[in-house]
Amino acid sequence: QVQLAESGGGLVQPGGSLRLSCAASGRTFSTYAMGWFRQAPGKEREFVAAINWSGSNTYIADSVKGRFTISRDATKNTSYLQMNSLKPEDTAVYYCAARPTALTTIRISVTDYNYWGQGTQVTVSS
């Protein structure tokens, strides 16, 4: 069992930056791929970014490519989502997720992930 807790959300002006953190506890964090998803009001949860267990492979959704990056620190059992040049359309609840795997392949479907955090609100507004 893995427990995930997101932090770092908040209100930011367009063009600003935020860094979200996802702290994991429970079973061995190093053998889990991590993903970030977001859900805006009235919309389905969508993929944002993912990183494999070793950090050697990442995948970023086209909608945020060039603005968002994902990373992980195994020593801190934490995954990060760095968000730059934020736009109003990035407003959503952001969730981190984990899936137990030692494979390099990145998965981008909600159903591929076994464990989820509670989410953190990101609001981009002037």
Protein backbone atom coordinates (compact mmCIF):
# COMPACT_ATOMS: atom_id res chain seq x y z
CA GLN A 1 0.00 0.00 0.00
CA VAL A 2 1.22 3.49 -0.89
CA GLN A 3 -0.08 6.72 0.58
CA LEU A 4 0.34 9.91 -1.45
CA ALA A 5 0.03 13.51 -0.29
CA GLU A 6 0.20 16.50 -2.64
CA SER A 7 1.22 20.01 -1.64
CA GLY A 8 2.23 23.27 -3.24
CA GLY A 9 -1.00 24.35 -4.88
CA GLY A 10 -2.44 27.82 -4.62
CA LEU A 11 -3.43 30.98 -6.43
CA VAL A 12 -1.00 32.36 -8.99
CA GLN A 13 -1.18 35.03 -11.66
CA PRO A 14 -0.95 34.14 -15.36
CA GLY A 15 2.68 33.68 -16.32
CA GLY A 16 3.63 32.64 -12.81
CA SER A 17 5.11 29.41 -11.49
CA LEU A 18 4.31 26.78 -8.91
CA ARG A 19 5.99 23.58 -7.84
CA LEU A 20 3.79 20.75 -6.68
CA SER A 21 5.15 18.02 -4.46
CA CYS A 22 3.87 14.51 -3.92
CA ALA A 23 5.18 12.77 -0.82
CA ALA A 24 4.85 9.01 -0.76
CA SER A 25 4.84 6.70 2.21
CA GLY A 26 4.24 3.02 2.73
CA ARG A 27 5.75 0.42 0.44
CA THR A 28 9.03 0.87 -1.43
CA PHE A 29 8.74 4.09 -3.38
CA SER A 30 11.58 3.34 -5.82
CA THR A 31 9.64 0.66 -7.71
CA TYR A 32 6.69 2.85 -8.52
CA ALA A 33 6.10 4.97 -11.58
CA MET A 34 4.57 8.33 -10.72
CA GLY A 35 2.08 10.42 -12.61
CA TRP A 36 0.37 13.77 -12.34
CA PHE A 37 -3.19 14.35 -13.51
CA ARG A 38 -5.57 17.26 -13.27
CA GLN A 39 -9.30 17.78 -13.24
CA ALA A 40 -11.08 21.03 -13.97
CA PRO A 41 -14.72 21.62 -12.95
CA GLY A 42 -17.08 19.76 -15.25
CA LYS A 43 -14.27 17.97 -17.06
CA GLU A 44 -12.76 14.52 -16.90
CA ARG A 45 -9.46 13.88 -15.16
CA GLU A 46 -6.64 14.24 -17.67
CA PHE A 47 -3.02 13.20 -17.86
CA VAL A 48 -0.35 15.86 -17.30
CA ALA A 49 3.01 14.14 -16.79
CA ALA A 50 4.61 10.88 -15.71
CA ILE A 51 8.01 9.53 -14.74
CA ASN A 52 9.25 5.98 -14.53
CA TRP A 53 10.65 4.38 -11.40
CA SER A 54 14.27 5.36 -12.01
CA GLY A 55 13.61 8.84 -13.40
CA SER A 56 15.21 7.89 -16.72
CA ASN A 57 12.00 8.31 -18.72
CA THR A 58 9.39 11.03 -18.60
CA TYR A 59 6.39 11.98 -20.68
CA ILE A 60 4.63 15.33 -20.74
CA ALA A 61 1.20 16.03 -22.20
CA ASP A 62 1.20 18.22 -25.30
CA SER A 63 -0.98 20.80 -23.56
CA VAL A 64 1.76 21.59 -21.05
CA LYS A 65 4.91 20.56 -22.91
CA GLY A 66 7.63 23.17 -22.67
CA ARG A 67 6.06 24.66 -19.52
CA PHE A 68 5.82 21.74 -17.07
CA THR A 69 8.50 19.29 -15.99
CA ILE A 70 8.30 16.23 -13.75
CA SER A 71 11.03 14.87 -11.52
CA ARG A 72 11.49 12.65 -8.50
CA ASP A 73 13.83 12.38 -5.54
CA ALA A 74 14.05 8.80 -4.32
CA THR A 75 15.90 9.85 -1.16
CA LYS A 76 12.88 11.93 -0.14
CA ASN A 77 10.20 9.62 -1.58
CA THR A 78 8.86 12.65 -3.40
CA SER A 79 7.77 13.49 -6.93
CA TYR A 80 7.65 17.05 -8.21
CA LEU A 81 5.71 18.89 -10.91
CA GLN A 82 7.33 22.19 -11.84
CA MET A 83 4.81 24.43 -13.58
CA ASN A 84 5.99 27.55 -15.37
CA SER A 85 4.24 30.11 -17.58
CA LEU A 86 0.93 29.16 -16.06
CA LYS A 87 -2.27 29.97 -17.94
CA PRO A 88 -5.87 30.32 -16.72
CA GLU A 89 -6.69 27.05 -18.49
CA ASP A 90 -4.26 25.27 -16.16
CA THR A 91 -6.69 25.89 -13.31
CA ALA A 92 -7.69 22.53 -11.85
CA VAL A 93 -7.27 20.15 -8.97
CA TYR A 94 -3.96 18.37 -9.48
CA TYR A 95 -3.55 14.77 -8.38
CA CYS A 96 -0.47 12.62 -8.10
CA ALA A 97 -0.71 8.90 -8.70
CA ALA A 98 1.48 5.83 -8.43
CA ARG A 99 1.62 2.50 -10.16
CA PRO A 100 3.82 -0.40 -9.03
CA THR A 101 6.19 -1.26 -11.86
CA ALA A 102 9.88 -1.59 -12.60
CA LEU A 103 9.31 -1.09 -16.31
CA THR A 104 10.46 1.98 -18.21
CA THR A 105 7.25 2.33 -20.20
CA ILE A 106 5.15 5.37 -19.35
CA ARG A 107 1.40 4.98 -18.90
CA ILE A 108 -0.97 7.91 -19.30
CA SER A 109 -4.40 6.50 -18.51
CA VAL A 110 -6.16 7.12 -15.21
CA THR A 111 -6.94 3.41 -14.99
CA ASP A 112 -3.25 2.49 -15.14
CA TYR A 113 -2.59 3.96 -11.69
CA ASN A 114 -3.37 2.15 -8.47
CA TYR A 115 -2.83 4.82 -5.82
CA TRP A 116 -3.97 8.43 -5.70
CA GLY A 117 -3.50 11.47 -3.53
CA GLN A 118 -6.30 13.75 -2.37
CA GLY A 119 -5.42 16.50 -4.81
CA THR A 120 -4.27 20.10 -4.52
CA GLN A 121 -6.02 23.10 -6.05
CA VAL A 122 -4.18 25.26 -8.57
CA THR A 123 -5.89 28.48 -9.61
CA VAL A 124 -4.40 30.73 -12.27
CA SER A 125 -6.09 34.10 -12.26
CA SER A 126 -5.30 37.79 -12.24
